Amino acid sequence: MKRGFWVALGLGAGATGAIIASRWTRKQARRVAPQTLAREAKGGLMDLSKLVSESIQEGKRAMDEREAELRRGAGLDEAAPTDARPPAGAA
């Protein structure tokens, strides 16, 4: 009777361990699957492109502010377009 109990307990523990180990192995295999890695890389690139875009916008805003400050300091007309070019024959 005692021997049967311990055999059954050992089989149950072994089966439980095997099931837990196989679930962990499948979970790890899904984590390193090519689709998962590609999705994570794409997400990282999207975050990077968003940061670069925001940095460029912030740089343009700061550039416009500095230009306006310099124009005010030099007494230039603020209403004049910033990209106005002199007429072709005026040079």
PDB file of N, CA and C in Angstrom:
ATOM      1  N   MET A   1       0.811  -1.188   0.000  1.00  0.00           N
ATOM      2  CA  MET A   1       0.000   0.000   0.000  1.00  0.00           C
ATOM      3  C   MET A   1       0.864   1.266   0.000  1.00  0.00           C
ATOM      4  N   LYS A   2       1.869   1.301   0.862  1.00  0.00           N
ATOM      5  CA  LYS A   2       2.731   2.471   0.921  1.00  0.00           C
ATOM      6  C   LYS A   2       3.484   2.638  -0.395  1.00  0.00           C
ATOM      7  N   ARG A   3       3.943   1.514  -0.933  1.00  0.00           N
ATOM      8  CA  ARG A   3       4.703   1.591  -2.177  1.00  0.00           C
ATOM      9  C   ARG A   3       3.836   2.113  -3.322  1.00  0.00           C
ATOM     10  N   GLY A   4       2.606   1.725  -3.420  1.00  0.00           N
ATOM     11  CA  GLY A   4       1.685   2.201  -4.451  1.00  0.00           C
ATOM     12  C   GLY A   4       1.430   3.705  -4.339  1.00  0.00           C
ATOM     13  N   PHE A   5       1.306   4.177  -3.101  1.00  0.00           N
ATOM     14  CA  PHE A   5       1.104   5.616  -2.880  1.00  0.00           C
ATOM     15  C   PHE A   5       2.296   6.411  -3.421  1.00  0.00           C
ATOM     16  N   TRP A   6       3.492   5.978  -3.080  1.00  0.00           N
ATOM     17  CA  TRP A   6       4.682   6.730  -3.503  1.00  0.00           C
ATOM     18  C   TRP A   6       4.898   6.632  -5.004  1.00  0.00           C
ATOM     19  N   VAL A   7       4.543   5.507  -5.600  1.00  0.00           N
ATOM     20  CA  VAL A   7       4.644   5.375  -7.060  1.00  0.00           C
ATOM     21  C   VAL A   7       3.659   6.337  -7.730  1.00  0.00           C
ATOM     22  N   ALA A   8       2.449   6.378  -7.235  1.00  0.00           N
ATOM     23  CA  ALA A   8       1.437   7.281  -7.802  1.00  0.00           C
ATOM     24  C   ALA A   8       1.845   8.729  -7.602  1.00  0.00           C
ATOM     25  N   LEU A   9       2.371   9.073  -6.441  1.00  0.00           N
ATOM     26  CA  LEU A   9       2.818  10.432  -6.166  1.00  0.00           C
ATOM     27  C   LEU A   9       3.975  10.811  -7.106  1.00  0.00           C
ATOM     28  N   GLY A  10       4.905   9.916  -7.319  1.00  0.00           N
ATOM     29  CA  GLY A  10       6.034  10.167  -8.216  1.00  0.00           C
ATOM     30  C   GLY A  10       5.575  10.353  -9.655  1.00  0.00           C
ATOM     31  N   LEU A  11       4.640   9.520 -10.108  1.00  0.00           N
ATOM     32  CA  LEU A  11       4.114   9.661 -11.467  1.00  0.00           C
ATOM     33  C   LEU A  11       3.379  10.987 -11.632  1.00  0.00           C
ATOM     34  N   GLY A  12       2.604  11.367 -10.627  1.00  0.00           N
ATOM     35  CA  GLY A  12       1.875  12.639 -10.686  1.00  0.00           C
ATOM     36  C   GLY A  12       2.834  13.822 -10.727  1.00  0.00           C
ATOM     37  N   ALA A  13       3.865  13.786  -9.885  1.00  0.00           N
ATOM     38  CA  ALA A  13       4.842  14.877  -9.872  1.00  0.00           C
ATOM     39  C   ALA A  13       5.603  14.933 -11.192  1.00  0.00           C
ATOM     40  N   GLY A  14       5.956  13.801 -11.732  1.00  0.00           N
ATOM     41  CA  GLY A  14       6.664  13.763 -13.016  1.00  0.00           C
ATOM     42  C   GLY A  14       5.806  14.305 -14.150  1.00  0.00           C
ATOM     43  N   ALA A  15       4.547  13.909 -14.185  1.00  0.00           N
ATOM     44  CA  ALA A  15       3.639  14.391 -15.231  1.00  0.00           C
ATOM     45  C   ALA A  15       3.430  15.897 -15.099  1.00  0.00           C
ATOM     46  N   THR A  16       3.261  16.380 -13.878  1.00  0.00           N
ATOM     47  CA  THR A  16       3.078  17.822 -13.658  1.00  0.00           C
ATOM     48  C   THR A  16       4.312  18.591 -14.106  1.00  0.00           C
ATOM     49  N   GLY A  17       5.473  18.094 -13.746  1.00  0.00           N
ATOM     50  CA  GLY A  17       6.726  18.738 -14.165  1.00  0.00           C
ATOM     51  C   GLY A  17       6.875  18.762 -15.672  1.00  0.00           C
ATOM     52  N   ALA A  18       6.512  17.672 -16.325  1.00  0.00           N
ATOM     53  CA  ALA A  18       6.616  17.591 -17.786  1.00  0.00           C
ATOM     54  C   ALA A  18       5.669  18.583 -18.456  1.00  0.00           C
ATOM     55  N   ILE A  19       4.462  18.707 -17.941  1.00  0.00           N
ATOM     56  CA  ILE A  19       3.495  19.643 -18.512  1.00  0.00           C
ATOM     57  C   ILE A  19       3.968  21.080 -18.339  1.00  0.00           C
ATOM     58  N   ILE A  20       4.442  21.413 -17.157  1.00  0.00           N
ATOM     59  CA  ILE A  20       4.930  22.776 -16.906  1.00  0.00           C
ATOM     60  C   ILE A  20       6.127  23.087 -17.806  1.00  0.00           C
ATOM     61  N   ALA A  21       7.042  22.139 -17.939  1.00  0.00           N
ATOM     62  CA  ALA A  21       8.221  22.349 -18.775  1.00  0.00           C
ATOM     63  C   ALA A  21       7.838  22.509 -20.252  1.00  0.00           C
ATOM     64  N   SER A  22       6.881  21.725 -20.732  1.00  0.00           N
ATOM     65  CA  SER A  22       6.491  21.841 -22.141  1.00  0.00           C
ATOM     66  C   SER A  22       5.783  23.169 -22.401  1.00  0.00           C
ATOM     67  N   ARG A  23       4.960  23.652 -21.462  1.00  0.00           N
ATOM     68  CA  ARG A  23       4.310  24.957 -21.630  1.00  0.00           C
ATOM     69  C   ARG A  23       5.351  26.074 -21.655  1.00  0.00           C
ATOM     70  N   TRP A  24       6.342  26.011 -20.764  1.00  0.00           N
ATOM     71  CA  TRP A  24       7.395  27.024 -20.726  1.00  0.00           C
ATOM     72  C   TRP A  24       8.197  27.018 -22.029  1.00  0.00           C
ATOM     73  N   THR A  25       8.485  25.822 -22.535  1.00  0.00           N
ATOM     74  CA  THR A  25       9.245  25.707 -23.780  1.00  0.00           C
ATOM     75  C   THR A  25       8.465  26.293 -24.948  1.00  0.00           C
ATOM     76  N   ARG A  26       7.175  25.996 -25.042  1.00  0.00           N
ATOM     77  CA  ARG A  26       6.366  26.565 -26.120  1.00  0.00           C
ATOM     78  C   ARG A  26       6.287  28.082 -26.021  1.00  0.00           C
ATOM     79  N   LYS A  27       6.147  28.601 -24.805  1.00  0.00           N
ATOM     80  CA  LYS A  27       6.091  30.050 -24.605  1.00  0.00           C
ATOM     81  C   LYS A  27       7.399  30.706 -25.064  1.00  0.00           C
ATOM     82  N   GLN A  28       8.529  30.107 -24.733  1.00  0.00           N
ATOM     83  CA  GLN A  28       9.825  30.661 -25.138  1.00  0.00           C
ATOM     84  C   GLN A  28      10.002  30.575 -26.663  1.00  0.00           C
ATOM     85  N   ALA A  29       9.512  29.517 -27.259  1.00  0.00           N
ATOM     86  CA  ALA A  29       9.612  29.375 -28.715  1.00  0.00           C
ATOM     87  C   ALA A  29       8.780  30.434 -29.426  1.00  0.00           C
ATOM     88  N   ARG A  30       7.601  30.758 -28.873  1.00  0.00           N
ATOM     89  CA  ARG A  30       6.784  31.818 -29.473  1.00  0.00           C
ATOM     90  C   ARG A  30       7.456  33.176 -29.338  1.00  0.00           C
ATOM     91  N   ARG A  31       8.159  33.403 -28.238  1.00  0.00           N
ATOM     92  CA  ARG A  31       8.827  34.692 -28.022  1.00  0.00           C
ATOM     93  C   ARG A  31       9.914  34.952 -29.059  1.00  0.00           C
ATOM     94  N   VAL A  32      10.582  33.913 -29.532  1.00  0.00           N
ATOM     95  CA  VAL A  32      11.680  34.102 -30.486  1.00  0.00           C
ATOM     96  C   VAL A  32      11.279  33.738 -31.913  1.00  0.00           C
ATOM     97  N   ALA A  33       9.995  33.594 -32.147  1.00  0.00           N
ATOM     98  CA  ALA A  33       9.514  33.298 -33.494  1.00  0.00           C
ATOM     99  C   ALA A  33       9.797  34.496 -34.403  1.00  0.00           C
ATOM    100  N   PRO A  34      10.077  34.256 -35.682  1.00  0.00           N
ATOM    101  CA  PRO A  34      10.377  35.362 -36.604  1.00  0.00           C
ATOM    102  C   PRO A  34       9.286  36.427 -36.664  1.00  0.00           C
ATOM    103  N   GLN A  35       8.014  36.029 -36.605  1.00  0.00           N
ATOM    104  CA  GLN A  35       6.943  37.005 -36.659  1.00  0.00           C
ATOM    105  C   GLN A  35       6.977  37.919 -35.432  1.00  0.00           C
ATOM    106  N   THR A  36       7.232  37.344 -34.278  1.00  0.00           N
ATOM    107  CA  THR A  36       7.287  38.136 -33.049  1.00  0.00           C
ATOM    108  C   THR A  36       8.459  39.101 -33.087  1.00  0.00           C
ATOM    109  N   LEU A  37       9.611  38.614 -33.511  1.00  0.00           N
ATOM    110  CA  LEU A  37      10.793  39.474 -33.589  1.00  0.00           C
ATOM    111  C   LEU A  37      10.577  40.598 -34.590  1.00  0.00           C
ATOM    112  N   ALA A  38       9.959  40.290 -35.719  1.00  0.00           N
ATOM    113  CA  ALA A  38       9.698  41.312 -36.733  1.00  0.00           C
ATOM    114  C   ALA A  38       8.718  42.360 -36.205  1.00  0.00           C
ATOM    115  N   ARG A  39       7.693  41.917 -35.490  1.00  0.00           N
ATOM    116  CA  ARG A  39       6.712  42.844 -34.927  1.00  0.00           C
ATOM    117  C   ARG A  39       7.366  43.764 -33.895  1.00  0.00           C
ATOM    118  N   GLU A  40       8.235  43.210 -33.053  1.00  0.00           N
ATOM    119  CA  GLU A  40       8.925  44.027 -32.054  1.00  0.00           C
ATOM    120  C   GLU A  40       9.883  45.007 -32.724  1.00  0.00           C
ATOM    121  N   ALA A  41      10.574  44.562 -33.777  1.00  0.00           N
ATOM    122  CA  ALA A  41      11.500  45.454 -34.483  1.00  0.00           C
ATOM    123  C   ALA A  41      10.727  46.586 -35.162  1.00  0.00           C
ATOM    124  N   LYS A  42       9.589  46.255 -35.760  1.00  0.00           N
ATOM    125  CA  LYS A  42       8.770  47.271 -36.410  1.00  0.00           C
ATOM    126  C   LYS A  42       8.291  48.300 -35.394  1.00  0.00           C
ATOM    127  N   GLY A  43       7.875  47.840 -34.239  1.00  0.00           N
ATOM    128  CA  GLY A  43       7.438  48.754 -33.189  1.00  0.00           C
ATOM    129  C   GLY A  43       8.562  49.670 -32.753  1.00  0.00           C
ATOM    130  N   GLY A  44       9.767  49.137 -32.634  1.00  0.00           N
ATOM    131  CA  GLY A  44      10.917  49.954 -32.265  1.00  0.00           C
ATOM    132  C   GLY A  44      11.240  50.989 -33.317  1.00  0.00           C
ATOM    133  N   LEU A  45      11.135  50.597 -34.584  1.00  0.00           N
ATOM    134  CA  LEU A  45      11.399  51.547 -35.666  1.00  0.00           C
ATOM    135  C   LEU A  45      10.337  52.633 -35.720  1.00  0.00           C
ATOM    136  N   MET A  46       9.100  52.268 -35.448  1.00  0.00           N
ATOM    137  CA  MET A  46       8.033  53.270 -35.447  1.00  0.00           C
ATOM    138  C   MET A  46       8.263  54.281 -34.320  1.00  0.00           C
ATOM    139  N   ASP A  47       8.693  53.789 -33.159  1.00  0.00           N
ATOM    140  CA  ASP A  47       8.985  54.695 -32.051  1.00  0.00           C
ATOM    141  C   ASP A  47      10.139  55.622 -32.410  1.00  0.00           C
ATOM    142  N   LEU A  48      11.173  55.057 -33.039  1.00  0.00           N
ATOM    143  CA  LEU A  48      12.327  55.862 -33.427  1.00  0.00           C
ATOM    144  C   LEU A  48      11.932  56.923 -34.451  1.00  0.00           C
ATOM    145  N   SER A  49      11.129  56.537 -35.447  1.00  0.00           N
ATOM    146  CA  SER A  49      10.726  57.505 -36.471  1.00  0.00           C
ATOM    147  C   SER A  49       9.857  58.609 -35.857  1.00  0.00           C
ATOM    148  N   LYS A  50       9.045  58.265 -34.882  1.00  0.00           N
ATOM    149  CA  LYS A  50       8.226  59.281 -34.203  1.00  0.00           C
ATOM    150  C   LYS A  50       9.125  60.259 -33.451  1.00  0.00           C
ATOM    151  N   LEU A  51      10.141  59.747 -32.766  1.00  0.00           N
ATOM    152  CA  LEU A  51      11.062  60.621 -32.043  1.00  0.00           C
ATOM    153  C   LEU A  51      11.822  61.545 -32.985  1.00  0.00           C
ATOM    154  N   VAL A  52      12.265  60.997 -34.128  1.00  0.00           N
ATOM    155  CA  VAL A  52      12.991  61.810 -35.099  1.00  0.00           C
ATOM    156  C   VAL A  52      12.071  62.894 -35.659  1.00  0.00           C
ATOM    157  N   SER A  53      10.850  62.535 -35.981  1.00  0.00           N
ATOM    158  CA  SER A  53       9.887  63.505 -36.509  1.00  0.00           C
ATOM    159  C   SER A  53       9.623  64.619 -35.502  1.00  0.00           C
ATOM    160  N   GLU A  54       9.428  64.252 -34.251  1.00  0.00           N
ATOM    161  CA  GLU A  54       9.202  65.258 -33.214  1.00  0.00           C
ATOM    162  C   GLU A  54      10.421  66.161 -33.042  1.00  0.00           C
ATOM    163  N   SER A  55      11.603  65.582 -33.137  1.00  0.00           N
ATOM    164  CA  SER A  55      12.827  66.386 -33.012  1.00  0.00           C
ATOM    165  C   SER A  55      12.953  67.378 -34.154  1.00  0.00           C
ATOM    166  N   ILE A  56      12.628  66.941 -35.360  1.00  0.00           N
ATOM    167  CA  ILE A  56      12.697  67.833 -36.516  1.00  0.00           C
ATOM    168  C   ILE A  56      11.690  68.971 -36.357  1.00  0.00           C
ATOM    169  N   GLN A  57      10.475  68.660 -35.931  1.00  0.00           N
ATOM    170  CA  GLN A  57       9.464  69.695 -35.728  1.00  0.00           C
ATOM    171  C   GLN A  57       9.906  70.691 -34.664  1.00  0.00           C
ATOM    172  N   GLU A  58      10.487  70.185 -33.584  1.00  0.00           N
ATOM    173  CA  GLU A  58      10.964  71.074 -32.520  1.00  0.00           C
ATOM    174  C   GLU A  58      12.099  71.954 -33.032  1.00  0.00           C
ATOM    175  N   GLY A  59      12.995  71.386 -33.844  1.00  0.00           N
ATOM    176  CA  GLY A  59      14.084  72.166 -34.423  1.00  0.00           C
ATOM    177  C   GLY A  59      13.572  73.265 -35.340  1.00  0.00           C
ATOM    178  N   LYS A  60      12.577  72.953 -36.157  1.00  0.00           N
ATOM    179  CA  LYS A  60      11.997  73.965 -37.055  1.00  0.00           C
ATOM    180  C   LYS A  60      11.315  75.077 -36.264  1.00  0.00           C
ATOM    181  N   ARG A  61      10.617  74.689 -35.194  1.00  0.00           N
ATOM    182  CA  ARG A  61       9.960  75.686 -34.363  1.00  0.00           C
ATOM    183  C   ARG A  61      10.987  76.615 -33.713  1.00  0.00           C
ATOM    184  N   ALA A  62      12.050  76.031 -33.188  1.00  0.00           N
ATOM    185  CA  ALA A  62      13.093  76.843 -32.558  1.00  0.00           C
ATOM    186  C   ALA A  62      13.778  77.739 -33.592  1.00  0.00           C
ATOM    187  N   MET A  63      13.965  77.217 -34.794  1.00  0.00           N
ATOM    188  CA  MET A  63      14.585  78.011 -35.855  1.00  0.00           C
ATOM    189  C   MET A  63      13.696  79.206 -36.215  1.00  0.00           C
ATOM    190  N   ASP A  64      12.401  78.979 -36.329  1.00  0.00           N
ATOM    191  CA  ASP A  64      11.474  80.073 -36.650  1.00  0.00           C
ATOM    192  C   ASP A  64      11.459  81.129 -35.541  1.00  0.00           C
ATOM    193  N   GLU A  65      11.477  80.657 -34.287  1.00  0.00           N
ATOM    194  CA  GLU A  65      11.499  81.605 -33.176  1.00  0.00           C
ATOM    195  C   GLU A  65      12.775  82.448 -33.201  1.00  0.00           C
ATOM    196  N   ARG A  66      13.906  81.812 -33.445  1.00  0.00           N
ATOM    197  CA  ARG A  66      15.173  82.532 -33.470  1.00  0.00           C
ATOM    198  C   ARG A  66      15.217  83.509 -34.641  1.00  0.00           C
ATOM    199  N   GLU A  67      14.681  83.108 -35.789  1.00  0.00           N
ATOM    200  CA  GLU A  67      14.645  84.001 -36.946  1.00  0.00           C
ATOM    201  C   GLU A  67      13.807  85.237 -36.641  1.00  0.00           C
ATOM    202  N   ALA A  68      12.655  85.021 -36.019  1.00  0.00           N
ATOM    203  CA  ALA A  68      11.789  86.156 -35.665  1.00  0.00           C
ATOM    204  C   ALA A  68      12.499  87.077 -34.677  1.00  0.00           C
ATOM    205  N   GLU A  69      13.219  86.488 -33.733  1.00  0.00           N
ATOM    206  CA  GLU A  69      13.965  87.282 -32.759  1.00  0.00           C
ATOM    207  C   GLU A  69      15.053  88.107 -33.448  1.00  0.00           C
ATOM    208  N   LEU A  70      15.772  87.496 -34.378  1.00  0.00           N
ATOM    209  CA  LEU A  70      16.817  88.221 -35.104  1.00  0.00           C
ATOM    210  C   LEU A  70      16.225  89.321 -35.977  1.00  0.00           C
ATOM    211  N   ARG A  71      15.085  89.024 -36.612  1.00  0.00           N
ATOM    212  CA  ARG A  71      14.442  90.048 -37.448  1.00  0.00           C
ATOM    213  C   ARG A  71      13.995  91.236 -36.600  1.00  0.00           C
ATOM    214  N   ARG A  72      13.416  90.958 -35.430  1.00  0.00           N
ATOM    215  CA  ARG A  72      13.017  92.049 -34.543  1.00  0.00           C
ATOM    216  C   ARG A  72      14.238  92.854 -34.098  1.00  0.00           C
ATOM    217  N   GLY A  73      15.326  92.178 -33.796  1.00  0.00           N
ATOM    218  CA  GLY A  73      16.540  92.851 -33.351  1.00  0.00           C
ATOM    219  C   GLY A  73      17.164  93.703 -34.442  1.00  0.00           C
ATOM    220  N   ALA A  74      17.034  93.272 -35.703  1.00  0.00           N
ATOM    221  CA  ALA A  74      17.607  94.009 -36.821  1.00  0.00           C
ATOM    222  C   ALA A  74      16.642  95.058 -37.353  1.00  0.00           C
ATOM    223  N   GLY A  75      15.421  95.076 -36.870  1.00  0.00           N
ATOM    224  CA  GLY A  75      14.433  96.052 -37.308  1.00  0.00           C
ATOM    225  C   GLY A  75      13.860  95.742 -38.676  1.00  0.00           C
ATOM    226  N   LEU A  76      13.931  94.492 -39.112  1.00  0.00           N
ATOM    227  CA  LEU A  76      13.353  94.109 -40.409  1.00  0.00           C
ATOM    228  C   LEU A  76      11.849  93.951 -40.278  1.00  0.00           C
ATOM    229  N   ASP A  77      11.154  94.127 -41.408  1.00  0.00           N
ATOM    230  CA  ASP A  77       9.694  94.014 -41.422  1.00  0.00           C
ATOM    231  C   ASP A  77       9.305  92.570 -41.150  1.00  0.00           C
ATOM    232  N   GLU A  78       8.540  92.339 -40.105  1.00  0.00           N
ATOM    233  CA  GLU A  78       8.101  90.988 -39.739  1.00  0.00           C
ATOM    234  C   GLU A  78       7.100  90.426 -40.740  1.00  0.00           C
ATOM    235  N   ALA A  79       6.370  91.290 -41.433  1.00  0.00           N
ATOM    236  CA  ALA A  79       5.332  90.846 -42.357  1.00  0.00           C
ATOM    237  C   ALA A  79       5.906  90.319 -43.651  1.00  0.00           C
ATOM    238  N   ALA A  80       7.160  90.606 -43.954  1.00  0.00           N
ATOM    239  CA  ALA A  80       7.759  90.134 -45.211  1.00  0.00           C
ATOM    240  C   ALA A  80       7.913  88.626 -45.157  1.00  0.00           C
ATOM    241  N   PRO A  81       7.610  87.931 -46.275  1.00  0.00           N
ATOM    242  CA  PRO A  81       7.770  86.475 -46.288  1.00  0.00           C
ATOM    243  C   PRO A  81       9.243  86.112 -46.098  1.00  0.00           C
ATOM    244  N   THR A  82       9.480  85.025 -45.408  1.00  0.00           N
ATOM    245  CA  THR A  82      10.846  84.618 -45.070  1.00  0.00           C
ATOM    246  C   THR A  82      11.597  84.098 -46.293  1.00  0.00           C
ATOM    247  N   ASP A  83      10.896  83.561 -47.280  1.00  0.00           N
ATOM    248  CA  ASP A  83      11.596  83.009 -48.433  1.00  0.00           C
ATOM    249  C   ASP A  83      11.461  83.921 -49.672  1.00  0.00           C
ATOM    250  N   ALA A  84      11.195  85.204 -49.466  1.00  0.00           N
ATOM    251  CA  ALA A  84      11.048  86.131 -50.594  1.00  0.00           C
ATOM    252  C   ALA A  84      12.403  86.341 -51.229  1.00  0.00           C
ATOM    253  N   ARG A  85      12.441  86.263 -52.538  1.00  0.00           N
ATOM    254  CA  ARG A  85      13.674  86.480 -53.279  1.00  0.00           C
ATOM    255  C   ARG A  85      13.567  87.790 -54.064  1.00  0.00           C
ATOM    256  N   PRO A  86      14.669  88.450 -54.258  1.00  0.00           N
ATOM    257  CA  PRO A  86      14.611  89.683 -55.056  1.00  0.00           C
ATOM    258  C   PRO A  86      14.243  89.342 -56.491  1.00  0.00           C
ATOM    259  N   PRO A  87      13.651  90.291 -57.212  1.00  0.00           N
ATOM    260  CA  PRO A  87      13.316  90.047 -58.612  1.00  0.00           C
ATOM    261  C   PRO A  87      14.566  89.650 -59.398  1.00  0.00           C
ATOM    262  N   ALA A  88      14.342  88.961 -60.494  1.00  0.00           N
ATOM    263  CA  ALA A  88      15.446  88.413 -61.280  1.00  0.00           C
ATOM    264  C   ALA A  88      16.375  89.507 -61.810  1.00  0.00           C
ATOM    265  N   GLY A  89      15.875  90.650 -62.217  1.00  0.00           N
ATOM    266  CA  GLY A  89      16.718  91.713 -62.789  1.00  0.00           C
ATOM    267  C   GLY A  89      17.257  92.679 -61.748  1.00  0.00           C
ATOM    268  N   ALA A  90      16.990  92.496 -60.464  1.00  0.00           N
ATOM    269  CA  ALA A  90      17.355  93.461 -59.446  1.00  0.00           C
ATOM    270  C   ALA A  90      18.790  93.276 -58.956  1.00  0.00           C
ATOM    271  N   ALA A  91      19.443  92.235 -59.323  1.00  0.00           N
ATOM    272  CA  ALA A  91      20.790  91.968 -58.829  1.00  0.00           C
ATOM    273  C   ALA A  91      21.727  92.907 -59.429  1.00  0.00           C
TER     274      ALA A  91
END
